[in-house]
Every structure is written in structure tokens, then in C-alpha cells.
C-alpha atoms as a PDB file:
ATOM      1  CA  MET A   1     124.037  66.602 112.291  1.00  0.00           C
ATOM      2  CA  HIS A   2     127.288  68.478 111.764  1.00  0.00           C
ATOM      3  CA  PHE A   3     128.541  71.923 112.819  1.00  0.00           C
ATOM      4  CA  VAL A   4     131.319  73.636 110.856  1.00  0.00           C
ATOM      5  CA  LEU A   5     132.896  76.375 112.987  1.00  0.00           C
ATOM      6  CA  PRO A   6     136.143  78.350 113.255  1.00  0.00           C
ATOM      7  CA  ALA A   7     139.075  76.407 114.654  1.00  0.00           C
ATOM      8  CA  ASP A   8     139.676  79.037 117.348  1.00  0.00           C
ATOM      9  CA  ALA A   9     136.132  78.803 118.752  1.00  0.00           C
ATOM     10  CA  GLY A  10     137.421  76.987 121.821  1.00  0.00           C
ATOM     11  CA  ASP A  11     140.518  79.136 122.342  1.00  0.00           C
ATOM     12  CA  PRO A  12     140.327  80.714 125.826  1.00  0.00           C
ATOM     13  CA  GLY A  13     142.656  83.460 124.617  1.00  0.00           C
ATOM     14  CA  SER A  14     140.137  84.583 121.986  1.00  0.00           C
ATOM     15  CA  PRO A  15     136.775  84.679 123.735  1.00  0.00           C
ATOM     16  CA  SER A  16     133.853  86.222 121.894  1.00  0.00           C
ATOM     17  CA  GLY A  17     130.101  86.074 122.057  1.00  0.00           C
ATOM     18  CA  GLY A  18     130.037  84.153 118.797  1.00  0.00           C
ATOM     19  CA  ASN A  19     132.488  81.545 120.017  1.00  0.00           C
ATOM     20  CA  VAL A  20     130.646  81.103 123.310  1.00  0.00           C
ATOM     21  CA  TYR A  21     127.349  80.718 121.446  1.00  0.00           C
ATOM     22  CA  ASP A  22     128.848  78.127 119.083  1.00  0.00           C
ATOM     23  CA  LEU A  23     130.230  76.030 121.900  1.00  0.00           C
ATOM     24  CA  ARG A  24     127.147  76.205 124.115  1.00  0.00           C
ATOM     25  CA  VAL A  25     124.572  75.225 121.476  1.00  0.00           C
ATOM     26  CA  SER A  26     126.681  72.577 119.714  1.00  0.00           C
ATOM     27  CA  ALA A  27     126.466  69.837 122.334  1.00  0.00           C
ATOM     28  CA  GLY A  28     125.446  66.668 120.503  1.00  0.00           C
ATOM     29  CA  LEU A  29     126.440  67.985 117.079  1.00  0.00           C
ATOM     30  CA  HIS A  30     129.459  66.619 115.230  1.00  0.00           C
ATOM     31  CA  ARG A  31     131.825  69.584 115.397  1.00  0.00           C
ATOM     32  CA  LEU A  32     134.095  70.207 112.423  1.00  0.00           C
ATOM     33  CA  PRO A  33     136.549  73.002 113.306  1.00  0.00           C
ATOM     34  CA  VAL A  34     138.178  74.555 110.234  1.00  0.00           C
ATOM     35  CA  ALA A  35     141.309  76.686 110.282  1.00  0.00           C
ATOM     36  CA  GLY A  36     141.487  79.850 108.214  1.00  0.00           C
ATOM     37  CA  ASP A  37     141.656  83.624 108.368  1.00  0.00           C
ATOM     38  CA  TRP A  38     137.877  83.970 108.071  1.00  0.00           C
ATOM     39  CA  PRO A  39     135.908  85.560 106.514  1.00  0.00           C
ATOM     40  CA  ARG A  40     138.474  86.255 103.768  1.00  0.00           C
ATOM     41  CA  PRO A  41     140.723  83.177 103.857  1.00  0.00           C
ATOM     42  CA  ARG A  42     143.826  82.816 101.772  1.00  0.00           C
ATOM     43  CA  ASP A  43     143.234  79.051 101.723  1.00  0.00           C
ATOM     44  CA  THR A  44     139.836  77.319 101.783  1.00  0.00           C
ATOM     45  CA  ALA A  45     141.185  73.762 101.729  1.00  0.00           C
ATOM     46  CA  ALA A  46     140.106  72.967 105.302  1.00  0.00           C
ATOM     47  CA  LEU A  47     136.509  73.995 104.620  1.00  0.00           C
ATOM     48  CA  GLU A  48     136.391  72.231 101.246  1.00  0.00           C
ATOM     49  CA  HIS A  49     137.732  69.034 102.826  1.00  0.00           C
ATOM     50  CA  ALA A  50     135.291  69.183 105.760  1.00  0.00           C
ATOM     51  CA  LEU A  51     132.225  69.614 103.541  1.00  0.00           C
ATOM     52  CA  ALA A  52     133.342  67.011 100.998  1.00  0.00           C
ATOM     53  CA  ARG A  53     133.496  64.339 103.719  1.00  0.00           C
ATOM     54  CA  ILE A  54     129.869  64.812 104.781  1.00  0.00           C
ATOM     55  CA  PRO A  55     127.419  62.314 103.226  1.00  0.00           C
ATOM     56  CA  ASP A  56     124.725  63.534 100.832  1.00  0.00           C
ATOM     57  CA  GLY A  57     121.517  64.628 102.534  1.00  0.00           C
ATOM     58  CA  ASP A  58     123.032  65.286 105.971  1.00  0.00           C
ATOM     59  CA  VAL A  59     122.092  68.412 107.935  1.00  0.00           C
ATOM     60  CA  VAL A  60     125.001  70.824 108.361  1.00  0.00           C
ATOM     61  CA  LEU A  61     125.140  74.011 110.413  1.00  0.00           C
ATOM     62  CA  LEU A  62     127.874  76.465 109.388  1.00  0.00           C
ATOM     63  CA  ASP A  63     129.100  79.444 111.362  1.00  0.00           C
ATOM     64  CA  GLY A  64     128.578  82.504 109.165  1.00  0.00           C
ATOM     65  CA  LEU A  65     132.115  83.750 109.736  1.00  0.00           C
ATOM     66  CA  VAL A  66     133.338  80.613 107.964  1.00  0.00           C
ATOM     67  CA  ALA A  67     130.624  80.281 105.332  1.00  0.00           C
ATOM     68  CA  CYS A  68     129.458  83.717 104.237  1.00  0.00           C
ATOM     69  CA  GLY A  69     132.627  84.928 102.545  1.00  0.00           C
ATOM     70  CA  VAL A  70     133.195  81.891 100.324  1.00  0.00           C
ATOM     71  CA  PRO A  71     130.146  81.162  98.145  1.00  0.00           C
ATOM     72  CA  GLU A  72     132.392  79.358  95.652  1.00  0.00           C
ATOM     73  CA  VAL A  73     132.917  76.681  98.315  1.00  0.00           C
ATOM     74  CA  VAL A  74     129.554  76.611 100.080  1.00  0.00           C
ATOM     75  CA  VAL A  75     126.988  77.059  97.304  1.00  0.00           C
ATOM     76  CA  PRO A  76     127.908  73.881  95.343  1.00  0.00           C
ATOM     77  CA  HIS A  77     127.411  71.795  98.505  1.00  0.00           C
ATOM     78  CA  ALA A  78     123.974  73.352  99.055  1.00  0.00           C
ATOM     79  CA  ARG A  79     122.758  71.162  96.193  1.00  0.00           C
ATOM     80  CA  ARG A  80     123.540  67.917  98.041  1.00  0.00           C
ATOM     81  CA  LEU A  81     123.542  68.866 101.758  1.00  0.00           C
ATOM     82  CA  ARG A  82     120.861  70.458 103.926  1.00  0.00           C
ATOM     83  CA  LEU A  83     122.748  73.561 104.971  1.00  0.00           C
ATOM     84  CA  ALA A  84     121.932  76.127 107.645  1.00  0.00           C
ATOM     85  CA  VAL A  85     124.080  79.201 108.317  1.00  0.00           C
ATOM     86  CA  LEU A  86     124.358  80.847 111.729  1.00  0.00           C
ATOM     87  CA  VAL A  87     124.900  84.598 111.275  1.00  0.00           C
ATOM     88  CA  HIS A  88     126.422  86.266 114.324  1.00  0.00           C
ATOM     89  CA  LEU A  89     127.165  89.537 112.493  1.00  0.00           C
ATOM     90  CA  PRO A  90     126.692  90.334 108.788  1.00  0.00           C
ATOM     91  CA  LEU A  91     130.165  90.478 107.283  1.00  0.00           C
ATOM     92  CA  ALA A  92     129.730  94.001 105.886  1.00  0.00           C
ATOM     93  CA  ASP A  93     128.789  95.404 109.313  1.00  0.00           C
ATOM     94  CA  GLU A  94     132.216  95.108 110.916  1.00  0.00           C
ATOM     95  CA  THR A  95     133.292  98.581 112.048  1.00  0.00           C
ATOM     96  CA  GLY A  96     136.196 100.138 110.134  1.00  0.00           C
ATOM     97  CA  LEU A  97     135.844  97.905 107.098  1.00  0.00           C
ATOM     98  CA  ASP A  98     136.864  99.464 103.771  1.00  0.00           C
ATOM     99  CA  PRO A  99     133.589 100.368 101.949  1.00  0.00           C
ATOM    100  CA  ALA A 100     134.647  98.600  98.752  1.00  0.00           C
ATOM    101  CA  ILE A 101     135.442  95.419 100.675  1.00  0.00           C
ATOM    102  CA  ALA A 102     132.135  95.700 102.549  1.00  0.00           C
ATOM    103  CA  VAL A 103     130.228  95.747  99.248  1.00  0.00           C
ATOM    104  CA  VAL A 104     132.018  92.627  98.053  1.00  0.00           C
ATOM    105  CA  LEU A 105     131.463  90.781 101.336  1.00  0.00           C
ATOM    106  CA  ASP A 106     127.793  91.742 101.377  1.00  0.00           C
ATOM    107  CA  GLU A 107     127.274  90.287  97.898  1.00  0.00           C
ATOM    108  CA  ARG A 108     129.177  87.111  98.705  1.00  0.00           C
ATOM    109  CA  GLU A 109     127.142  86.667 101.871  1.00  0.00           C
ATOM    110  CA  ARG A 110     123.930  87.149  99.869  1.00  0.00           C
ATOM    111  CA  GLN A 111     124.910  84.357  97.489  1.00  0.00           C
ATOM    112  CA  VAL A 112     125.508  81.965 100.374  1.00  0.00           C
ATOM    113  CA  LEU A 113     122.385  82.803 102.370  1.00  0.00           C
ATOM    114  CA  ARG A 114     120.088  82.560  99.364  1.00  0.00           C
ATOM    115  CA  ALA A 115     121.487  79.126  98.491  1.00  0.00           C
ATOM    116  CA  VAL A 116     121.147  77.425 101.892  1.00  0.00           C
ATOM    117  CA  SER A 117     118.055  75.839 103.420  1.00  0.00           C
ATOM    118  CA  ALA A 118     117.925  77.965 106.579  1.00  0.00           C
ATOM    119  CA  VAL A 119     119.507  81.066 108.075  1.00  0.00           C
ATOM    120  CA  ILE A 120     119.717  81.464 111.850  1.00  0.00           C
ATOM    121  CA  ALA A 121     119.996  84.899 113.454  1.00  0.00           C
ATOM    122  CA  THR A 122     120.754  85.498 117.111  1.00  0.00           C
ATOM    123  CA  SER A 123     118.159  88.215 117.782  1.00  0.00           C
ATOM    124  CA  PRO A 124     114.809  89.396 116.386  1.00  0.00           C
ATOM    125  CA  THR A 125     116.372  92.688 115.268  1.00  0.00           C
ATOM    126  CA  ALA A 126     119.189  90.883 113.467  1.00  0.00           C
ATOM    127  CA  GLY A 127     116.690  88.504 111.867  1.00  0.00           C
ATOM    128  CA  ARG A 128     114.658  91.367 110.436  1.00  0.00           C
ATOM    129  CA  ASP A 129     117.810  93.068 109.151  1.00  0.00           C
ATOM    130  CA  ILE A 130     119.077  89.924 107.433  1.00  0.00           C
ATOM    131  CA  LYS A 131     115.687  89.301 105.799  1.00  0.00           C
ATOM    132  CA  ALA A 132     115.511  92.840 104.445  1.00  0.00           C
ATOM    133  CA  ARG A 133     119.172  93.072 103.466  1.00  0.00           C
ATOM    134  CA  HIS A 134     119.278  89.858 101.424  1.00  0.00           C
ATOM    135  CA  GLY A 135     115.622  89.331 100.471  1.00  0.00           C
ATOM    136  CA  LEU A 136     115.192  86.094 102.426  1.00  0.00           C
ATOM    137  CA  ASP A 137     112.156  84.256 103.754  1.00  0.00           C
ATOM    138  CA  HIS A 138     113.892  81.366 105.537  1.00  0.00           C
ATOM    139  CA  VAL A 139     115.374  83.204 108.542  1.00  0.00           C
ATOM    140  CA  HIS A 140     114.939  81.770 112.043  1.00  0.00           C
ATOM    141  CA  VAL A 141     115.828  83.392 115.375  1.00  0.00           C
ATOM    142  CA  VAL A 142     117.605  81.550 118.191  1.00  0.00           C
ATOM    143  CA  VAL A 143     118.634  83.949 120.950  1.00  0.00           C
ATOM    144  CA  PRO A 144     121.592  83.164 123.223  1.00  0.00           C
ATOM    145  CA  GLY A 145     120.947  81.778 126.664  1.00  0.00           C
ATOM    146  CA  THR A 146     122.371  82.650 130.068  1.00  0.00           C
ATOM    147  CA  ASP A 147     123.625  80.750 133.086  1.00  0.00           C
ATOM    148  CA  PRO A 148     122.325  81.416 136.595  1.00  0.00           C
ATOM    149  CA  ALA A 149     124.753  83.738 138.375  1.00  0.00           C
ATOM    150  CA  PRO A 150     125.226  85.159 141.869  1.00  0.00           C
ATOM    151  CA  ARG A 151     124.042  88.711 142.376  1.00  0.00           C
ATOM    152  CA  ALA A 152     126.845  91.272 142.145  1.00  0.00           C
ATOM    153  CA  ARG A 153     127.747  92.898 145.463  1.00  0.00           C
ATOM    154  CA  GLY A 154     129.556  95.901 143.934  1.00  0.00           C
ATOM    155  CA  THR A 155     131.651  98.443 145.806  1.00  0.00           C
ATOM    156  CA  ASP A 156     130.049 101.749 146.811  1.00  0.00           C
ATOM    157  CA  GLY A 157     127.113 101.182 144.463  1.00  0.00           C
ATOM    158  CA  VAL A 158     128.273 103.853 142.019  1.00  0.00           C
ATOM    159  CA  SER A 159     131.893 104.138 140.981  1.00  0.00           C
ATOM    160  CA  GLN A 160     133.148 100.751 139.732  1.00  0.00           C
ATOM    161  CA  LEU A 161     132.269 100.318 136.042  1.00  0.00           C
ATOM    162  CA  LEU A 162     132.770  97.157 134.005  1.00  0.00           C
ATOM    163  CA  CYS A 163     132.927  96.606 130.248  1.00  0.00           C
ATOM    164  CA  VAL A 164     133.390  93.101 128.832  1.00  0.00           C
ATOM    165  CA  ALA A 165     134.263  93.194 125.120  1.00  0.00           C
ATOM    166  CA  SER A 166     137.144  92.713 122.707  1.00  0.00           C
ATOM    167  CA  ILE A 167     139.142  95.935 122.347  1.00  0.00           C
ATOM    168  CA  THR A 168     138.005  96.777 118.812  1.00  0.00           C
ATOM    169  CA  PRO A 169     136.479  99.883 117.182  1.00  0.00           C
ATOM    170  CA  ARG A 170     133.040  98.260 117.002  1.00  0.00           C
ATOM    171  CA  LYS A 171     132.840  97.948 120.793  1.00  0.00           C
ATOM    172  CA  GLY A 172     133.186 101.713 121.311  1.00  0.00           C
ATOM    173  CA  HIS A 173     135.768 101.850 124.091  1.00  0.00           C
ATOM    174  CA  ASP A 174     136.974 105.179 122.662  1.00  0.00           C
ATOM    175  CA  LEU A 175     133.508 106.733 123.045  1.00  0.00           C
ATOM    176  CA  LEU A 176     133.100 105.352 126.531  1.00  0.00           C
ATOM    177  CA  ILE A 177     136.464 106.501 127.857  1.00  0.00           C
ATOM    178  CA  SER A 178     136.183 109.949 126.275  1.00  0.00           C
ATOM    179  CA  ALA A 179     132.726 110.440 127.797  1.00  0.00           C
ATOM    180  CA  LEU A 180     133.897 109.330 131.241  1.00  0.00           C
ATOM    181  CA  ARG A 181     136.929 111.633 131.207  1.00  0.00           C
ATOM    182  CA  ARG A 182     134.654 114.656 130.866  1.00  0.00           C
ATOM    183  CA  ILE A 183     132.663 113.699 133.958  1.00  0.00           C
ATOM    184  CA  GLY A 184     133.745 115.264 137.233  1.00  0.00           C
ATOM    185  CA  HIS A 185     133.012 112.265 139.424  1.00  0.00           C
ATOM    186  CA  ASP A 186     135.025 109.512 141.036  1.00  0.00           C
ATOM    187  CA  TRP A 187     134.989 106.454 138.768  1.00  0.00           C
ATOM    188  CA  ARG A 188     137.026 103.436 137.766  1.00  0.00           C
ATOM    189  CA  LEU A 189     136.556 101.383 134.596  1.00  0.00           C
ATOM    190  CA  SER A 190     137.713  97.812 134.019  1.00  0.00           C
ATOM    191  CA  CYS A 191     137.763  96.833 130.332  1.00  0.00           C
ATOM    192  CA  VAL A 192     137.824  93.035 130.270  1.00  0.00           C
ATOM    193  CA  GLY A 193     138.496  91.415 126.898  1.00  0.00           C
ATOM    194  CA  PRO A 194     141.161  90.370 124.397  1.00  0.00           C
ATOM    195  CA  HIS A 195     143.663  93.082 123.542  1.00  0.00           C
ATOM    196  CA  ARG A 196     143.635  94.146 119.896  1.00  0.00           C
ATOM    197  CA  PRO A 197     145.702  96.763 117.973  1.00  0.00           C
ATOM    198  CA  PHE A 198     142.914  99.299 118.635  1.00  0.00           C
ATOM    199  CA  LEU A 199     144.022  99.382 122.277  1.00  0.00           C
ATOM    200  CA  ALA A 200     147.057 101.501 121.344  1.00  0.00           C
ATOM    201  CA  THR A 201     144.770 104.272 120.037  1.00  0.00           C
ATOM    202  CA  LEU A 202     142.735 104.662 123.233  1.00  0.00           C
ATOM    203  CA  PRO A 203     143.285 107.550 125.680  1.00  0.00           C
ATOM    204  CA  ARG A 204     145.478 106.626 128.623  1.00  0.00           C
ATOM    205  CA  ASP A 205     143.976 107.187 132.060  1.00  0.00           C
ATOM    206  CA  ASP A 206     144.988 105.708 135.403  1.00  0.00           C
ATOM    207  CA  ARG A 207     141.323 105.083 136.186  1.00  0.00           C
ATOM    208  CA  VAL A 208     140.982 102.664 133.256  1.00  0.00           C
ATOM    209  CA  SER A 209     142.403  99.136 133.442  1.00  0.00           C
ATOM    210  CA  PHE A 210     142.720  96.476 130.739  1.00  0.00           C
ATOM    211  CA  PRO A 211     143.149  93.080 132.454  1.00  0.00           C
ATOM    212  CA  GLY A 212     142.734  91.127 129.208  1.00  0.00           C
ATOM    213  CA  PRO A 213     140.323  88.224 128.695  1.00  0.00           C
ATOM    214  CA  LEU A 214     138.945  86.632 131.854  1.00  0.00           C
ATOM    215  CA  ALA A 215     137.012  83.408 132.323  1.00  0.00           C
ATOM    216  CA  GLY A 216     135.628  81.263 135.110  1.00  0.00           C
ATOM    217  CA  GLU A 217     136.062  82.563 138.648  1.00  0.00           C
ATOM    218  CA  ALA A 218     138.092  85.569 137.487  1.00  0.00           C
ATOM    219  CA  LEU A 219     135.268  86.784 135.251  1.00  0.00           C
ATOM    220  CA  THR A 220     132.652  86.041 137.917  1.00  0.00           C
ATOM    221  CA  SER A 221     134.713  88.119 140.353  1.00  0.00           C
ATOM    222  CA  ALA A 222     134.833  91.031 137.878  1.00  0.00           C
ATOM    223  CA  TYR A 223     131.031  91.029 137.660  1.00  0.00           C
ATOM    224  CA  ALA A 224     130.718  90.665 141.443  1.00  0.00           C
ATOM    225  CA  GLN A 225     132.828  93.771 142.083  1.00  0.00           C
ATOM    226  CA  ALA A 226     131.056  95.993 139.548  1.00  0.00           C
ATOM    227  CA  ASP A 227     128.432  98.637 140.293  1.00  0.00           C
ATOM    228  CA  LEU A 228     127.459  99.320 136.669  1.00  0.00           C
ATOM    229  CA  PHE A 229     127.928  97.448 133.397  1.00  0.00           C
ATOM    230  CA  VAL A 230     128.627  99.571 130.310  1.00  0.00           C
ATOM    231  CA  LEU A 231     128.862  98.661 126.623  1.00  0.00           C
ATOM    232  CA  ALA A 232     129.203 101.427 124.031  1.00  0.00           C
ATOM    233  CA  SER A 233     129.062  99.223 120.924  1.00  0.00           C
ATOM    234  CA  ARG A 234     128.541 100.876 117.585  1.00  0.00           C
ATOM    235  CA  ASN A 235     126.891  97.708 116.274  1.00  0.00           C
ATOM    236  CA  GLU A 236     125.773  94.396 117.789  1.00  0.00           C
ATOM    237  CA  THR A 237     123.490  91.604 116.659  1.00  0.00           C
ATOM    238  CA  TYR A 238     122.592  90.689 120.235  1.00  0.00           C
ATOM    239  CA  GLY A 239     125.104  91.468 123.003  1.00  0.00           C
ATOM    240  CA  MET A 240     125.521  88.363 125.151  1.00  0.00           C
ATOM    241  CA  VAL A 241     127.652  90.173 127.717  1.00  0.00           C
ATOM    242  CA  VAL A 242     124.639  92.338 128.516  1.00  0.00           C
ATOM    243  CA  THR A 243     122.476  89.367 129.489  1.00  0.00           C
ATOM    244  CA  GLU A 244     125.445  87.966 131.387  1.00  0.00           C
ATOM    245  CA  ALA A 245     125.625  91.215 133.369  1.00  0.00           C
ATOM    246  CA  LEU A 246     121.864  91.162 133.933  1.00  0.00           C
ATOM    247  CA  ALA A 247     122.135  87.578 135.185  1.00  0.00           C
ATOM    248  CA  HIS A 248     124.317  89.064 137.935  1.00  0.00           C
ATOM    249  CA  GLY A 249     121.676  91.710 138.654  1.00  0.00           C
ATOM    250  CA  LEU A 250     123.960  94.490 137.429  1.00  0.00           C
ATOM    251  CA  PRO A 251     122.494  97.806 136.256  1.00  0.00           C
ATOM    252  CA  VAL A 252     123.297  98.299 132.566  1.00  0.00           C
ATOM    253  CA  ILE A 253     123.841 101.274 130.274  1.00  0.00           C
ATOM    254  CA  ALA A 254     124.516 100.148 126.699  1.00  0.00           C
ATOM    255  CA  SER A 255     124.191 100.820 122.969  1.00  0.00           C
ATOM    256  CA  SER A 256     123.049  98.654 120.041  1.00  0.00           C
ATOM    257  CA  VAL A 257     121.590  95.870 122.213  1.00  0.00           C
ATOM    258  CA  PRO A 258     117.777  96.349 122.298  1.00  0.00           C
ATOM    259  CA  ASP A 259     116.985  92.627 122.286  1.00  0.00           C
ATOM    260  CA  ALA A 260     119.492  91.632 124.958  1.00  0.00           C
ATOM    261  CA  LEU A 261     118.676  94.597 127.186  1.00  0.00           C
ATOM    262  CA  GLY A 262     114.898  94.568 126.840  1.00  0.00           C
ATOM    263  CA  ASP A 263     113.501  96.668 129.688  1.00  0.00           C
ATOM    264  CA  GLY A 264     116.495  95.807 131.850  1.00  0.00           C
ATOM    265  CA  GLY A 265     118.513  99.013 131.553  1.00  0.00           C
ATOM    266  CA  LEU A 266     119.220 102.276 129.750  1.00  0.00           C
ATOM    267  CA  LEU A 267     119.754 102.133 125.969  1.00  0.00           C
ATOM    268  CA  VAL A 268     121.950 104.917 124.548  1.00  0.00           C
ATOM    269  CA  PRO A 269     122.049 105.847 120.833  1.00  0.00           C
ATOM    270  CA  ALA A 270     124.966 104.077 119.155  1.00  0.00           C
ATOM    271  CA  GLY A 271     128.020 106.193 118.381  1.00  0.00           C
ATOM    272  CA  ASP A 272     126.702 109.257 120.248  1.00  0.00           C
ATOM    273  CA  GLU A 273     129.434 110.379 122.642  1.00  0.00           C
ATOM    274  CA  LYS A 274     127.394 113.278 124.046  1.00  0.00           C
ATOM    275  CA  ALA A 275     124.497 110.929 124.799  1.00  0.00           C
ATOM    276  CA  TRP A 276     126.921 108.676 126.634  1.00  0.00           C
ATOM    277  CA  GLU A 277     128.252 111.604 128.652  1.00  0.00           C
ATOM    278  CA  ALA A 278     124.705 112.589 129.587  1.00  0.00           C
ATOM    279  CA  ALA A 279     123.710 109.046 130.542  1.00  0.00           C
ATOM    280  CA  LEU A 280     126.790 108.501 132.698  1.00  0.00           C
ATOM    281  CA  THR A 281     126.360 111.897 134.358  1.00  0.00           C
ATOM    282  CA  ARG A 282     122.821 110.897 135.299  1.00  0.00           C
ATOM    283  CA  TRP A 283     124.112 107.630 136.727  1.00  0.00           C
ATOM    284  CA  PHE A 284     126.530 109.442 139.015  1.00  0.00           C
ATOM    285  CA  GLU A 285     124.204 112.274 140.028  1.00  0.00           C
ATOM    286  CA  ASP A 286     120.726 110.724 140.131  1.00  0.00           C
ATOM    287  CA  ARG A 287     120.167 108.315 143.009  1.00  0.00           C
ATOM    288  CA  GLU A 288     116.646 107.549 141.817  1.00  0.00           C
ATOM    289  CA  LEU A 289     117.940 106.531 138.388  1.00  0.00           C
ATOM    290  CA  ARG A 290     120.470 104.192 139.989  1.00  0.00           C
ATOM    291  CA  ALA A 291     117.715 102.568 142.056  1.00  0.00           C
ATOM    292  CA  GLU A 292     115.495 102.270 138.971  1.00  0.00           C
ATOM    293  CA  LEU A 293     118.233 100.623 136.894  1.00  0.00           C
ATOM    294  CA  ARG A 294     118.946  98.140 139.680  1.00  0.00           C
ATOM    295  CA  ALA A 295     115.262  97.233 139.893  1.00  0.00           C
ATOM    296  CA  ARG A 296     114.983  96.875 136.124  1.00  0.00           C
ATOM    297  CA  ALA A 297     118.065  94.642 136.010  1.00  0.00           C
ATOM    298  CA  LEU A 298     116.640  92.345 138.672  1.00  0.00           C
ATOM    299  CA  ALA A 299     113.300  92.121 136.859  1.00  0.00           C
ATOM    300  CA  ARG A 300     115.038  91.237 133.583  1.00  0.00           C
ATOM    301  CA  ARG A 301     117.268  88.756 135.415  1.00  0.00           C
ATOM    302  CA  ALA A 302     114.197  86.767 136.438  1.00  0.00           C
ATOM    303  CA  VAL A 303     113.028  86.150 132.850  1.00  0.00           C
ATOM    304  CA  LEU A 304     116.279  85.510 130.939  1.00  0.00           C
ATOM    305  CA  SER A 305     116.222  82.415 128.753  1.00  0.00           C
ATOM    306  CA  THR A 306     118.584  79.527 129.450  1.00  0.00           C
ATOM    307  CA  TRP A 307     121.160  77.823 127.244  1.00  0.00           C
ATOM    308  CA  ASP A 308     119.060  74.662 127.355  1.00  0.00           C
ATOM    309  CA  GLU A 309     116.201  76.607 125.768  1.00  0.00           C
ATOM    310  CA  SER A 310     118.514  78.039 123.111  1.00  0.00           C
ATOM    311  CA  THR A 311     119.881  74.596 122.291  1.00  0.00           C
ATOM    312  CA  GLN A 312     116.376  73.154 121.977  1.00  0.00           C
ATOM    313  CA  ASP A 313     115.328  76.022 119.685  1.00  0.00           C
ATOM    314  CA  LEU A 314     118.324  75.407 117.440  1.00  0.00           C
ATOM    315  CA  ARG A 315     117.671  71.668 117.328  1.00  0.00           C
ATOM    316  CA  ARG A 316     114.103  72.321 116.177  1.00  0.00           C
ATOM    317  CA  VAL A 317     115.323  74.442 113.274  1.00  0.00           C
ATOM    318  CA  LEU A 318     117.871  71.840 112.201  1.00  0.00           C
ATOM    319  CA  ALA A 319     115.413  68.963 112.596  1.00  0.00           C
ATOM    320  CA  SER A 320     112.996  70.755 110.276  1.00  0.00           C
ATOM    321  CA  LEU A 321     115.563  70.451 107.461  1.00  0.00           C
ATOM    322  CA  ARG A 322     115.496  66.672 107.472  1.00  0.00           C
ATOM    323  CA  PRO A 323     113.537  65.041 104.648  1.00  0.00           C
END
């Protein structure tokens, strides 16, 4: 079985939940990295060449970022290959996208997903959305896994906040920072993740740091020193960083991540700055809430699925496509 994925999926300078997912579940698959400015590439030669080399009848998993914007390349191969597409985020749902471009991308994605043998979503909520959006009945759900992690020790139990996410409009750093700046409490926020042009638009505050992307021991240390994990995303299909935080036993306040969070923290309405201000104020002022969120995080930590389970679930979907 083959897996066609973006060429930068293994780039430590461009970490993302999608890239981590691709790499963790693809052990044992024949990886075919393809270069291109996905999902709207100027040149599709790498993808065309990769698919053309695969023998008729083989099972092929394609990352949706690569596949969903180019039906002219993918759909013809759906007649001879057993294709599955992994959708991390519907193309039209990227925050800040021009509405006219979003309409075009949505239609192109629909053509691809209706032509392939299986569609894989990364959360139950995302699966239901994809089914309804494109009128599909062949959608499967394979949620991301987690690794066991040491319990975070924190600082004073209150003031050190951590956000792990690329600095983009969809991740809501602007909402988060604006809400925090209106709160009259001692706090510090570390925003871990790749720097993007959106960073230049964010309010400057000495209490907010942007260390860039972290991995390995450096990322583990960031979780260990945090008292609260925050993610103000305007839209997510799952939110792997939330389960990563919960694996460390960290209390969580987040938006747009109902499946990842479960009962493990406080879910705030997406895009609602006042709701974020209220939730963070409660965190700082309500000792009982802090204790409750810690207990809920630890309970959720005990039942998180593993990457081995995710990989097995994906293999079952792909195996079902064989003749």
C-alpha cells in the first residue's frame, strides 16, 4: 500500500498536526512525498508522476492537502487504483480564504472525494461534516493517537499559559492575546509554533513569547512548565495538541475541539473574544474551577487512544479496499 503526502511532512521547521498524523500512521506504507504548493499547485508533475508509477489495483492513501485541489489529476487514477483520501481540514475551511476561491476549492474537493473508494476523517465531528458537505456515504473516522507523557509540574499552578499552534489566523492567537490583556491578573503566555506572516499583526506584550516551533525535549519541557493549555482556534477538525496537553495532565481551555477535548476541559465558543475573557477570568479567580479542570484532564488522560490503535484503525480501512 502506498501513501502520497506533502514533501514537507517530515520537515521539523514546519510541524503541524496533519504532518505528525501522516508520519505516525504511515509506518509500513510506501511513502511517496510530492513537492508542490498544495492545495493550489502551479505544477502537478510530481503528483502525476507518483500516481502513474503505481500498478493498477494497488491501494493508495492520499493526503487531502495534496489530492483535494486537483481532481484533473486524481479522478482519472480512481478508475484504476483503489484510492483513499485523508482529509485533515476541508480546503474551503481555511480561515481568511477569499470566498470565491473557497467555492472553487470546495467543488474541486467534492469531485475528488466522490470519485475515490474511501474518505478518512480525523474526528467524528469532521466525518459528519464531510458527509453532509459533499453527500458521501464512504467516510471513515480514524482519530489521532497520543504518546504517554510525564505529568506537567507547572509553576504556581495558575499563571503560566501555553499555546502550541502555527501562528495563523485560524488558530486565534489574536483573540487569545486580546482577551488576556483585558484581565487584571499576573500571567505569561508562551506561543509555541512556526512563525507565519500573521505574527506581525498580533499585539505586542512583554508577557507573550514566541519561541518558534519546538520538538523533542524542548517541547516536553514547555508542557512541563505550563499551568494551563489554551487554544483559541476558529476552526479545527480534531486538535491533536489538545490531546497532547491532556497526556501531560494539563488543564485545558480551548475552542473548536469537542472530539479531542471530550470531558477533559472547558470548551469555549469559537471566535468569541468575550467568552474567552470570561473563561480566563474564571481560571484566574476560581480555585474550584482550576481544581475541577485538573481533575478532568487527568481523567481524560487515562483514556486517550494510542498511535498504535490509530495505525491499526487506518490499516483496517485500507485493507477493506483490496479486492
